[in-house]
Amino acid sequence: MARIETPRRVRGTQDIFGEDQRRFAHVLDTFDRVRQLYCFQRVDLPVFEATEVFARSIGETTDVVSKEMYTFQDRGGDSITLRPEFTAGIARAFLTEGWQQHTPMKL
């Protein structure tokens, strides 16, 4: 009979539980209070974007693009990348979602 291996977490990730989770929640709550105190808005971006969003903004020859991005093709053949950083996604949203009308912005 073949032995079934127990799945492991992906390298670089954490499972947060118990006291560690409570501490982590406290950090997030503190961050949120400070953000509100200084009138910064919260923005939630997609976890993935079209690859061109990052290749254009970061530069196609940088280490982030060549070594640190997780890219795959969706069923339609489009290149999709898991978000390696926030700046490019914020710029994309600013341009495509009409956020210009809300400037100046504190995100």
PDB file of N, CA and C in Angstrom:
ATOM      1  N   MET A   1       0.843  -1.176   0.000  1.00  0.00           N
ATOM      2  CA  MET A   1       0.000   0.000   0.000  1.00  0.00           C
ATOM      3  C   MET A   1       0.891   1.243   0.000  1.00  0.00           C
ATOM      4  N   ALA A   2       0.545   2.190  -0.868  1.00  0.00           N
ATOM      5  CA  ALA A   2       1.320   3.422  -0.970  1.00  0.00           C
ATOM      6  C   ALA A   2       1.063   4.307   0.245  1.00  0.00           C
ATOM      7  N   ARG A   3       2.149   4.860   0.738  1.00  0.00           N
ATOM      8  CA  ARG A   3       2.039   5.757   1.889  1.00  0.00           C
ATOM      9  C   ARG A   3       1.676   7.165   1.411  1.00  0.00           C
ATOM     10  N   ILE A   4       0.690   7.769   2.055  1.00  0.00           N
ATOM     11  CA  ILE A   4       0.252   9.115   1.689  1.00  0.00           C
ATOM     12  C   ILE A   4       0.996  10.122   2.557  1.00  0.00           C
ATOM     13  N   GLU A   5       1.675  11.055   1.894  1.00  0.00           N
ATOM     14  CA  GLU A   5       2.422  12.096   2.605  1.00  0.00           C
ATOM     15  C   GLU A   5       1.465  13.169   3.111  1.00  0.00           C
ATOM     16  N   THR A   6       1.705  13.640   4.317  1.00  0.00           N
ATOM     17  CA  THR A   6       0.921  14.741   4.870  1.00  0.00           C
ATOM     18  C   THR A   6       1.361  16.039   4.203  1.00  0.00           C
ATOM     19  N   PRO A   7       0.424  16.821   3.690  1.00  0.00           N
ATOM     20  CA  PRO A   7       0.808  18.097   3.065  1.00  0.00           C
ATOM     21  C   PRO A   7       1.491  19.017   4.079  1.00  0.00           C
ATOM     22  N   ARG A   8       2.448  19.795   3.609  1.00  0.00           N
ATOM     23  CA  ARG A   8       3.156  20.765   4.453  1.00  0.00           C
ATOM     24  C   ARG A   8       2.801  22.172   3.994  1.00  0.00           C
ATOM     25  N   ARG A   9       2.992  23.126   4.908  1.00  0.00           N
ATOM     26  CA  ARG A   9       2.769  24.515   4.506  1.00  0.00           C
ATOM     27  C   ARG A   9       3.827  24.912   3.484  1.00  0.00           C
ATOM     28  N   VAL A  10       3.469  25.884   2.697  1.00  0.00           N
ATOM     29  CA  VAL A  10       4.394  26.410   1.707  1.00  0.00           C
ATOM     30  C   VAL A  10       5.508  27.156   2.438  1.00  0.00           C
ATOM     31  N   ARG A  11       6.734  26.963   1.994  1.00  0.00           N
ATOM     32  CA  ARG A  11       7.889  27.622   2.610  1.00  0.00           C
ATOM     33  C   ARG A  11       7.671  29.132   2.646  1.00  0.00           C
ATOM     34  N   GLY A  12       7.978  29.733   3.778  1.00  0.00           N
ATOM     35  CA  GLY A  12       7.826  31.174   3.950  1.00  0.00           C
ATOM     36  C   GLY A  12       6.472  31.600   4.485  1.00  0.00           C
ATOM     37  N   THR A  13       5.562  30.644   4.696  1.00  0.00           N
ATOM     38  CA  THR A  13       4.247  30.975   5.239  1.00  0.00           C
ATOM     39  C   THR A  13       4.148  30.485   6.675  1.00  0.00           C
ATOM     40  N   GLN A  14       3.126  30.941   7.375  1.00  0.00           N
ATOM     41  CA  GLN A  14       2.926  30.549   8.770  1.00  0.00           C
ATOM     42  C   GLN A  14       1.471  30.204   9.006  1.00  0.00           C
ATOM     43  N   ASP A  15       1.253  29.284   9.921  1.00  0.00           N
ATOM     44  CA  ASP A  15      -0.075  29.042  10.460  1.00  0.00           C
ATOM     45  C   ASP A  15      -0.099  29.752  11.807  1.00  0.00           C
ATOM     46  N   ILE A  16      -1.036  30.646  12.003  1.00  0.00           N
ATOM     47  CA  ILE A  16      -1.077  31.433  13.236  1.00  0.00           C
ATOM     48  C   ILE A  16      -2.282  30.988  14.044  1.00  0.00           C
ATOM     49  N   PHE A  17      -2.023  30.577  15.292  1.00  0.00           N
ATOM     50  CA  PHE A  17      -3.062  29.979  16.128  1.00  0.00           C
ATOM     51  C   PHE A  17      -2.839  30.370  17.586  1.00  0.00           C
ATOM     52  N   GLY A  18      -3.897  30.370  18.352  1.00  0.00           N
ATOM     53  CA  GLY A  18      -3.786  30.562  19.798  1.00  0.00           C
ATOM     54  C   GLY A  18      -3.239  31.919  20.181  1.00  0.00           C
ATOM     55  N   GLU A  19      -2.275  31.914  21.105  1.00  0.00           N
ATOM     56  CA  GLU A  19      -1.696  33.159  21.608  1.00  0.00           C
ATOM     57  C   GLU A  19      -1.019  33.951  20.495  1.00  0.00           C
ATOM     58  N   ASP A  20      -0.342  33.262  19.578  1.00  0.00           N
ATOM     59  CA  ASP A  20       0.283  33.969  18.450  1.00  0.00           C
ATOM     60  C   ASP A  20      -0.765  34.697  17.616  1.00  0.00           C
ATOM     61  N   GLN A  21      -1.924  34.073  17.425  1.00  0.00           N
ATOM     62  CA  GLN A  21      -2.985  34.711  16.649  1.00  0.00           C
ATOM     63  C   GLN A  21      -3.523  35.930  17.383  1.00  0.00           C
ATOM     64  N   ARG A  22      -3.660  35.838  18.682  1.00  0.00           N
ATOM     65  CA  ARG A  22      -4.137  36.988  19.459  1.00  0.00           C
ATOM     66  C   ARG A  22      -3.147  38.152  19.362  1.00  0.00           C
ATOM     67  N   ARG A  23      -1.863  37.851  19.430  1.00  0.00           N
ATOM     68  CA  ARG A  23      -0.847  38.908  19.294  1.00  0.00           C
ATOM     69  C   ARG A  23      -0.885  39.524  17.901  1.00  0.00           C
ATOM     70  N   PHE A  24      -1.022  38.678  16.903  1.00  0.00           N
ATOM     71  CA  PHE A  24      -1.090  39.160  15.526  1.00  0.00           C
ATOM     72  C   PHE A  24      -2.317  40.052  15.334  1.00  0.00           C
ATOM     73  N   ALA A  25      -3.455  39.647  15.873  1.00  0.00           N
ATOM     74  CA  ALA A  25      -4.682  40.451  15.788  1.00  0.00           C
ATOM     75  C   ALA A  25      -4.482  41.796  16.484  1.00  0.00           C
ATOM     76  N   HIS A  26      -3.756  41.802  17.607  1.00  0.00           N
ATOM     77  CA  HIS A  26      -3.479  43.050  18.322  1.00  0.00           C
ATOM     78  C   HIS A  26      -2.646  43.993  17.444  1.00  0.00           C
ATOM     79  N   VAL A  27      -1.647  43.453  16.762  1.00  0.00           N
ATOM     80  CA  VAL A  27      -0.829  44.273  15.859  1.00  0.00           C
ATOM     81  C   VAL A  27      -1.706  44.871  14.758  1.00  0.00           C
ATOM     82  N   LEU A  28      -2.562  44.050  14.162  1.00  0.00           N
ATOM     83  CA  LEU A  28      -3.446  44.548  13.103  1.00  0.00           C
ATOM     84  C   LEU A  28      -4.412  45.605  13.628  1.00  0.00           C
ATOM     85  N   ASP A  29      -4.970  45.381  14.811  1.00  0.00           N
ATOM     86  CA  ASP A  29      -5.886  46.362  15.407  1.00  0.00           C
ATOM     87  C   ASP A  29      -5.171  47.683  15.690  1.00  0.00           C
ATOM     88  N   THR A  30      -3.947  47.602  16.208  1.00  0.00           N
ATOM     89  CA  THR A  30      -3.161  48.807  16.489  1.00  0.00           C
ATOM     90  C   THR A  30      -2.870  49.560  15.196  1.00  0.00           C
ATOM     91  N   PHE A  31      -2.463  48.827  14.175  1.00  0.00           N
ATOM     92  CA  PHE A  31      -2.205  49.442  12.873  1.00  0.00           C
ATOM     93  C   PHE A  31      -3.456  50.153  12.363  1.00  0.00           C
ATOM     94  N   ASP A  32      -4.608  49.508  12.488  1.00  0.00           N
ATOM     95  CA  ASP A  32      -5.852  50.092  11.993  1.00  0.00           C
ATOM     96  C   ASP A  32      -6.218  51.364  12.761  1.00  0.00           C
ATOM     97  N   ARG A  33      -6.011  51.365  14.075  1.00  0.00           N
ATOM     98  CA  ARG A  33      -6.308  52.567  14.867  1.00  0.00           C
ATOM     99  C   ARG A  33      -5.400  53.731  14.466  1.00  0.00           C
ATOM    100  N   VAL A  34      -4.113  53.449  14.279  1.00  0.00           N
ATOM    101  CA  VAL A  34      -3.169  54.500  13.882  1.00  0.00           C
ATOM    102  C   VAL A  34      -3.521  55.009  12.481  1.00  0.00           C
ATOM    103  N   ARG A  35      -3.865  54.091  11.580  1.00  0.00           N
ATOM    104  CA  ARG A  35      -4.268  54.479  10.224  1.00  0.00           C
ATOM    105  C   ARG A  35      -5.445  55.451  10.274  1.00  0.00           C
ATOM    106  N   GLN A  36      -6.441  55.130  11.077  1.00  0.00           N
ATOM    107  CA  GLN A  36      -7.621  55.987  11.195  1.00  0.00           C
ATOM    108  C   GLN A  36      -7.284  57.320  11.863  1.00  0.00           C
ATOM    109  N   LEU A  37      -6.417  57.288  12.863  1.00  0.00           N
ATOM    110  CA  LEU A  37      -6.022  58.502  13.574  1.00  0.00           C
ATOM    111  C   LEU A  37      -5.421  59.532  12.622  1.00  0.00           C
ATOM    112  N   TYR A  38      -4.633  59.052  11.643  1.00  0.00           N
ATOM    113  CA  TYR A  38      -3.983  59.945  10.691  1.00  0.00           C
ATOM    114  C   TYR A  38      -4.735  60.041   9.362  1.00  0.00           C
ATOM    115  N   CYS A  39      -5.989  59.605   9.355  1.00  0.00           N
ATOM    116  CA  CYS A  39      -6.894  59.748   8.201  1.00  0.00           C
ATOM    117  C   CYS A  39      -6.419  59.023   6.942  1.00  0.00           C
ATOM    118  N   PHE A  40      -5.735  57.898   7.116  1.00  0.00           N
ATOM    119  CA  PHE A  40      -5.399  57.061   5.976  1.00  0.00           C
ATOM    120  C   PHE A  40      -6.574  56.139   5.697  1.00  0.00           C
ATOM    121  N   GLN A  41      -6.864  55.921   4.408  1.00  0.00           N
ATOM    122  CA  GLN A  41      -7.931  55.011   4.021  1.00  0.00           C
ATOM    123  C   GLN A  41      -7.357  53.618   3.816  1.00  0.00           C
ATOM    124  N   ARG A  42      -8.166  52.634   4.078  1.00  0.00           N
ATOM    125  CA  ARG A  42      -7.768  51.253   3.822  1.00  0.00           C
ATOM    126  C   ARG A  42      -8.145  50.915   2.386  1.00  0.00           C
ATOM    127  N   VAL A  43      -7.286  50.180   1.728  1.00  0.00           N
ATOM    128  CA  VAL A  43      -7.581  49.696   0.388  1.00  0.00           C
ATOM    129  C   VAL A  43      -7.273  48.200   0.362  1.00  0.00           C
ATOM    130  N   ASP A  44      -8.181  47.427  -0.180  1.00  0.00           N
ATOM    131  CA  ASP A  44      -7.965  45.990  -0.355  1.00  0.00           C
ATOM    132  C   ASP A  44      -7.851  45.723  -1.845  1.00  0.00           C
ATOM    133  N   LEU A  45      -6.735  45.140  -2.228  1.00  0.00           N
ATOM    134  CA  LEU A  45      -6.455  44.859  -3.634  1.00  0.00           C
ATOM    135  C   LEU A  45      -6.539  43.360  -3.886  1.00  0.00           C
ATOM    136  N   PRO A  46      -6.738  42.964  -5.144  1.00  0.00           N
ATOM    137  CA  PRO A  46      -6.731  41.533  -5.450  1.00  0.00           C
ATOM    138  C   PRO A  46      -5.387  40.896  -5.085  1.00  0.00           C
ATOM    139  N   VAL A  47      -5.428  39.632  -4.743  1.00  0.00           N
ATOM    140  CA  VAL A  47      -4.208  38.891  -4.412  1.00  0.00           C
ATOM    141  C   VAL A  47      -3.400  38.631  -5.680  1.00  0.00           C
ATOM    142  N   PHE A  48      -4.043  38.658  -6.824  1.00  0.00           N
ATOM    143  CA  PHE A  48      -3.336  38.469  -8.086  1.00  0.00           C
ATOM    144  C   PHE A  48      -3.755  39.545  -9.076  1.00  0.00           C
ATOM    145  N   GLU A  49      -2.864  39.795 -10.036  1.00  0.00           N
ATOM    146  CA  GLU A  49      -3.089  40.812 -11.071  1.00  0.00           C
ATOM    147  C   GLU A  49      -2.576  40.250 -12.392  1.00  0.00           C
ATOM    148  N   ALA A  50      -2.904  40.925 -13.474  1.00  0.00           N
ATOM    149  CA  ALA A  50      -2.300  40.591 -14.761  1.00  0.00           C
ATOM    150  C   ALA A  50      -0.791  40.802 -14.628  1.00  0.00           C
ATOM    151  N   THR A  51      -0.007  39.890 -15.155  1.00  0.00           N
ATOM    152  CA  THR A  51       1.454  39.953 -15.016  1.00  0.00           C
ATOM    153  C   THR A  51       2.014  41.277 -15.516  1.00  0.00           C
ATOM    154  N   GLU A  52       1.432  41.831 -16.566  1.00  0.00           N
ATOM    155  CA  GLU A  52       1.945  43.076 -17.133  1.00  0.00           C
ATOM    156  C   GLU A  52       1.916  44.232 -16.141  1.00  0.00           C
ATOM    157  N   VAL A  53       1.028  44.188 -15.157  1.00  0.00           N
ATOM    158  CA  VAL A  53       0.970  45.249 -14.141  1.00  0.00           C
ATOM    159  C   VAL A  53       2.311  45.341 -13.419  1.00  0.00           C
ATOM    160  N   PHE A  54       2.902  44.203 -13.075  1.00  0.00           N
ATOM    161  CA  PHE A  54       4.168  44.196 -12.342  1.00  0.00           C
ATOM    162  C   PHE A  54       5.357  44.317 -13.277  1.00  0.00           C
ATOM    163  N   ALA A  55       5.308  43.657 -14.423  1.00  0.00           N
ATOM    164  CA  ALA A  55       6.431  43.710 -15.358  1.00  0.00           C
ATOM    165  C   ALA A  55       6.660  45.139 -15.840  1.00  0.00           C
ATOM    166  N   ARG A  56       5.592  45.886 -16.073  1.00  0.00           N
ATOM    167  CA  ARG A  56       5.722  47.271 -16.530  1.00  0.00           C
ATOM    168  C   ARG A  56       6.227  48.193 -15.430  1.00  0.00           C
ATOM    169  N   SER A  57       5.653  48.072 -14.236  1.00  0.00           N
ATOM    170  CA  SER A  57       5.972  49.034 -13.180  1.00  0.00           C
ATOM    171  C   SER A  57       7.304  48.756 -12.504  1.00  0.00           C
ATOM    172  N   ILE A  58       7.632  47.492 -12.317  1.00  0.00           N
ATOM    173  CA  ILE A  58       8.866  47.142 -11.617  1.00  0.00           C
ATOM    174  C   ILE A  58      10.030  47.075 -12.595  1.00  0.00           C
ATOM    175  N   GLY A  59       9.757  46.704 -13.833  1.00  0.00           N
ATOM    176  CA  GLY A  59      10.794  46.520 -14.838  1.00  0.00           C
ATOM    177  C   GLY A  59      10.983  45.040 -15.098  1.00  0.00           C
ATOM    178  N   GLU A  60      10.981  44.664 -16.353  1.00  0.00           N
ATOM    179  CA  GLU A  60      10.989  43.245 -16.701  1.00  0.00           C
ATOM    180  C   GLU A  60      12.290  42.545 -16.346  1.00  0.00           C
ATOM    181  N   THR A  61      13.377  43.274 -16.126  1.00  0.00           N
ATOM    182  CA  THR A  61      14.659  42.630 -15.856  1.00  0.00           C
ATOM    183  C   THR A  61      15.053  42.662 -14.382  1.00  0.00           C
ATOM    184  N   THR A  62      14.194  43.119 -13.508  1.00  0.00           N
ATOM    185  CA  THR A  62      14.539  43.179 -12.089  1.00  0.00           C
ATOM    186  C   THR A  62      14.461  41.803 -11.445  1.00  0.00           C
ATOM    187  N   ASP A  63      15.117  41.660 -10.283  1.00  0.00           N
ATOM    188  CA  ASP A  63      15.078  40.398  -9.546  1.00  0.00           C
ATOM    189  C   ASP A  63      13.664  40.023  -9.138  1.00  0.00           C
ATOM    190  N   VAL A  64      12.841  41.012  -8.778  1.00  0.00           N
ATOM    191  CA  VAL A  64      11.466  40.711  -8.368  1.00  0.00           C
ATOM    192  C   VAL A  64      10.739  40.007  -9.499  1.00  0.00           C
ATOM    193  N   VAL A  65      10.849  40.557 -10.710  1.00  0.00           N
ATOM    194  CA  VAL A  65      10.141  39.968 -11.849  1.00  0.00           C
ATOM    195  C   VAL A  65      10.756  38.638 -12.253  1.00  0.00           C
ATOM    196  N   SER A  66      12.075  38.557 -12.306  1.00  0.00           N
ATOM    197  CA  SER A  66      12.701  37.336 -12.813  1.00  0.00           C
ATOM    198  C   SER A  66      12.792  36.215 -11.791  1.00  0.00           C
ATOM    199  N   LYS A  67      12.821  36.517 -10.484  1.00  0.00           N
ATOM    200  CA  LYS A  67      13.037  35.473  -9.486  1.00  0.00           C
ATOM    201  C   LYS A  67      11.959  35.357  -8.421  1.00  0.00           C
ATOM    202  N   GLU A  68      11.214  36.414  -8.147  1.00  0.00           N
ATOM    203  CA  GLU A  68      10.357  36.415  -6.967  1.00  0.00           C
ATOM    204  C   GLU A  68       8.867  36.459  -7.260  1.00  0.00           C
ATOM    205  N   MET A  69       8.476  36.399  -8.520  1.00  0.00           N
ATOM    206  CA  MET A  69       7.052  36.437  -8.846  1.00  0.00           C
ATOM    207  C   MET A  69       6.551  35.031  -9.145  1.00  0.00           C
ATOM    208  N   TYR A  70       5.357  34.738  -8.652  1.00  0.00           N
ATOM    209  CA  TYR A  70       4.699  33.472  -8.954  1.00  0.00           C
ATOM    210  C   TYR A  70       3.671  33.757 -10.033  1.00  0.00           C
ATOM    211  N   THR A  71       3.951  33.255 -11.226  1.00  0.00           N
ATOM    212  CA  THR A  71       3.143  33.555 -12.396  1.00  0.00           C
ATOM    213  C   THR A  71       2.593  32.268 -12.988  1.00  0.00           C
ATOM    214  N   PHE A  72       1.368  32.330 -13.483  1.00  0.00           N
ATOM    215  CA  PHE A  72       0.744  31.172 -14.128  1.00  0.00           C
ATOM    216  C   PHE A  72      -0.227  31.674 -15.187  1.00  0.00           C
ATOM    217  N   GLN A  73      -0.673  30.769 -16.035  1.00  0.00           N
ATOM    218  CA  GLN A  73      -1.670  31.130 -17.037  1.00  0.00           C
ATOM    219  C   GLN A  73      -3.033  30.655 -16.574  1.00  0.00           C
ATOM    220  N   ASP A  74      -4.034  31.529 -16.739  1.00  0.00           N
ATOM    221  CA  ASP A  74      -5.391  31.117 -16.389  1.00  0.00           C
ATOM    222  C   ASP A  74      -5.976  30.293 -17.538  1.00  0.00           C
ATOM    223  N   ARG A  75      -7.194  29.856 -17.386  1.00  0.00           N
ATOM    224  CA  ARG A  75      -7.817  28.994 -18.405  1.00  0.00           C
ATOM    225  C   ARG A  75      -7.951  29.682 -19.754  1.00  0.00           C
ATOM    226  N   GLY A  76      -8.038  30.993 -19.731  1.00  0.00           N
ATOM    227  CA  GLY A  76      -8.141  31.749 -20.981  1.00  0.00           C
ATOM    228  C   GLY A  76      -6.798  32.045 -21.624  1.00  0.00           C
ATOM    229  N   GLY A  77      -5.703  31.628 -20.970  1.00  0.00           N
ATOM    230  CA  GLY A  77      -4.368  31.849 -21.504  1.00  0.00           C
ATOM    231  C   GLY A  77      -3.721  33.148 -21.070  1.00  0.00           C
ATOM    232  N   ASP A  78      -4.394  33.920 -20.213  1.00  0.00           N
ATOM    233  CA  ASP A  78      -3.812  35.170 -19.725  1.00  0.00           C
ATOM    234  C   ASP A  78      -2.785  34.886 -18.636  1.00  0.00           C
ATOM    235  N   SER A  79      -1.714  35.670 -18.620  1.00  0.00           N
ATOM    236  CA  SER A  79      -0.673  35.528 -17.608  1.00  0.00           C
ATOM    237  C   SER A  79      -1.095  36.272 -16.342  1.00  0.00           C
ATOM    238  N   ILE A  80      -1.139  35.544 -15.228  1.00  0.00           N
ATOM    239  CA  ILE A  80      -1.581  36.070 -13.935  1.00  0.00           C
ATOM    240  C   ILE A  80      -0.430  35.918 -12.942  1.00  0.00           C
ATOM    241  N   THR A  81      -0.261  36.899 -12.057  1.00  0.00           N
ATOM    242  CA  THR A  81       0.819  36.857 -11.070  1.00  0.00           C
ATOM    243  C   THR A  81       0.269  37.125  -9.679  1.00  0.00           C
ATOM    244  N   LEU A  82       0.721  36.324  -8.711  1.00  0.00           N
ATOM    245  CA  LEU A  82       0.392  36.609  -7.317  1.00  0.00           C
ATOM    246  C   LEU A  82       1.109  37.895  -6.928  1.00  0.00           C
ATOM    247  N   ARG A  83       0.438  38.765  -6.233  1.00  0.00           N
ATOM    248  CA  ARG A  83       0.932  40.102  -5.910  1.00  0.00           C
ATOM    249  C   ARG A  83       2.241  40.046  -5.109  1.00  0.00           C
ATOM    250  N   PRO A  84       3.379  40.518  -5.691  1.00  0.00           N
ATOM    251  CA  PRO A  84       4.640  40.548  -4.940  1.00  0.00           C
ATOM    252  C   PRO A  84       4.801  41.816  -4.104  1.00  0.00           C
ATOM    253  N   GLU A  85       4.021  42.847  -4.402  1.00  0.00           N
ATOM    254  CA  GLU A  85       4.082  44.123  -3.682  1.00  0.00           C
ATOM    255  C   GLU A  85       2.810  44.898  -3.999  1.00  0.00           C
ATOM    256  N   PHE A  86       2.580  46.009  -3.304  1.00  0.00           N
ATOM    257  CA  PHE A  86       1.310  46.725  -3.424  1.00  0.00           C
ATOM    258  C   PHE A  86       1.323  47.905  -4.394  1.00  0.00           C
ATOM    259  N   THR A  87       2.461  48.528  -4.610  1.00  0.00           N
ATOM    260  CA  THR A  87       2.499  49.787  -5.350  1.00  0.00           C
ATOM    261  C   THR A  87       1.890  49.671  -6.741  1.00  0.00           C
ATOM    262  N   ALA A  88       2.270  48.647  -7.489  1.00  0.00           N
ATOM    263  CA  ALA A  88       1.771  48.497  -8.859  1.00  0.00           C
ATOM    264  C   ALA A  88       0.260  48.298  -8.878  1.00  0.00           C
ATOM    265  N   GLY A  89      -0.267  47.518  -7.946  1.00  0.00           N
ATOM    266  CA  GLY A  89      -1.707  47.298  -7.881  1.00  0.00           C
ATOM    267  C   GLY A  89      -2.465  48.566  -7.530  1.00  0.00           C
ATOM    268  N   ILE A  90      -1.901  49.370  -6.640  1.00  0.00           N
ATOM    269  CA  ILE A  90      -2.538  50.645  -6.286  1.00  0.00           C
ATOM    270  C   ILE A  90      -2.548  51.576  -7.495  1.00  0.00           C
ATOM    271  N   ALA A  91      -1.435  51.624  -8.222  1.00  0.00           N
ATOM    272  CA  ALA A  91      -1.381  52.465  -9.424  1.00  0.00           C
ATOM    273  C   ALA A  91      -2.395  51.983 -10.459  1.00  0.00           C
ATOM    274  N   ARG A  92      -2.495  50.670 -10.642  1.00  0.00           N
ATOM    275  CA  ARG A  92      -3.472  50.121 -11.591  1.00  0.00           C
ATOM    276  C   ARG A  92      -4.893  50.492 -11.179  1.00  0.00           C
ATOM    277  N   ALA A  93      -5.211  50.337  -9.906  1.00  0.00           N
ATOM    278  CA  ALA A  93      -6.549  50.671  -9.417  1.00  0.00           C
ATOM    279  C   ALA A  93      -6.823  52.168  -9.555  1.00  0.00           C
ATOM    280  N   PHE A  94      -5.838  52.992  -9.262  1.00  0.00           N
ATOM    281  CA  PHE A  94      -5.991  54.446  -9.387  1.00  0.00           C
ATOM    282  C   PHE A  94      -6.392  54.820 -10.811  1.00  0.00           C
ATOM    283  N   LEU A  95      -5.744  54.177 -11.786  1.00  0.00           N
ATOM    284  CA  LEU A  95      -6.012  54.494 -13.189  1.00  0.00           C
ATOM    285  C   LEU A  95      -7.307  53.873 -13.700  1.00  0.00           C
ATOM    286  N   THR A  96      -7.607  52.656 -13.282  1.00  0.00           N
ATOM    287  CA  THR A  96      -8.756  51.948 -13.862  1.00  0.00           C
ATOM    288  C   THR A  96     -10.058  52.155 -13.105  1.00  0.00           C
ATOM    289  N   GLU A  97      -9.988  52.538 -11.839  1.00  0.00           N
ATOM    290  CA  GLU A  97     -11.201  52.660 -11.022  1.00  0.00           C
ATOM    291  C   GLU A  97     -11.652  54.104 -10.807  1.00  0.00           C
ATOM    292  N   GLY A  98     -10.961  55.051 -11.440  1.00  0.00           N
ATOM    293  CA  GLY A  98     -11.379  56.446 -11.338  1.00  0.00           C
ATOM    294  C   GLY A  98     -11.066  57.102 -10.004  1.00  0.00           C
ATOM    295  N   TRP A  99     -10.033  56.630  -9.331  1.00  0.00           N
ATOM    296  CA  TRP A  99      -9.695  57.200  -8.025  1.00  0.00           C
ATOM    297  C   TRP A  99      -9.143  58.616  -8.130  1.00  0.00           C
ATOM    298  N   GLN A 100      -8.836  59.077  -9.346  1.00  0.00           N
ATOM    299  CA  GLN A 100      -8.303  60.426  -9.516  1.00  0.00           C
ATOM    300  C   GLN A 100      -9.246  61.468  -8.921  1.00  0.00           C
ATOM    301  N   GLN A 101     -10.537  61.214  -8.972  1.00  0.00           N
ATOM    302  CA  GLN A 101     -11.512  62.181  -8.460  1.00  0.00           C
ATOM    303  C   GLN A 101     -11.454  62.324  -6.943  1.00  0.00           C
ATOM    304  N   HIS A 102     -10.739  61.423  -6.276  1.00  0.00           N
ATOM    305  CA  HIS A 102     -10.655  61.459  -4.815  1.00  0.00           C
ATOM    306  C   HIS A 102      -9.312  61.995  -4.314  1.00  0.00           C
ATOM    307  N   THR A 103      -8.507  62.561  -5.201  1.00  0.00           N
ATOM    308  CA  THR A 103      -7.191  63.030  -4.782  1.00  0.00           C
ATOM    309  C   THR A 103      -7.310  64.345  -4.029  1.00  0.00           C
ATOM    310  N   PRO A 104      -6.379  64.650  -3.144  1.00  0.00           N
ATOM    311  CA  PRO A 104      -5.280  63.785  -2.713  1.00  0.00           C
ATOM    312  C   PRO A 104      -5.790  62.635  -1.844  1.00  0.00           C
ATOM    313  N   MET A 105      -5.054  61.532  -1.893  1.00  0.00           N
ATOM    314  CA  MET A 105      -5.447  60.329  -1.156  1.00  0.00           C
ATOM    315  C   MET A 105      -4.344  59.932  -0.187  1.00  0.00           C
ATOM    316  N   LYS A 106      -4.737  59.387   0.930  1.00  0.00           N
ATOM    317  CA  LYS A 106      -3.801  58.806   1.889  1.00  0.00           C
ATOM    318  C   LYS A 106      -4.204  57.350   2.045  1.00  0.00           C
ATOM    319  N   LEU A 107      -3.394  56.456   1.476  1.00  0.00           N
ATOM    320  CA  LEU A 107      -3.701  55.025   1.518  1.00  0.00           C
ATOM    321  C   LEU A 107      -2.703  54.295   2.381  1.00  0.00           C
TER     322      LEU A 107
END
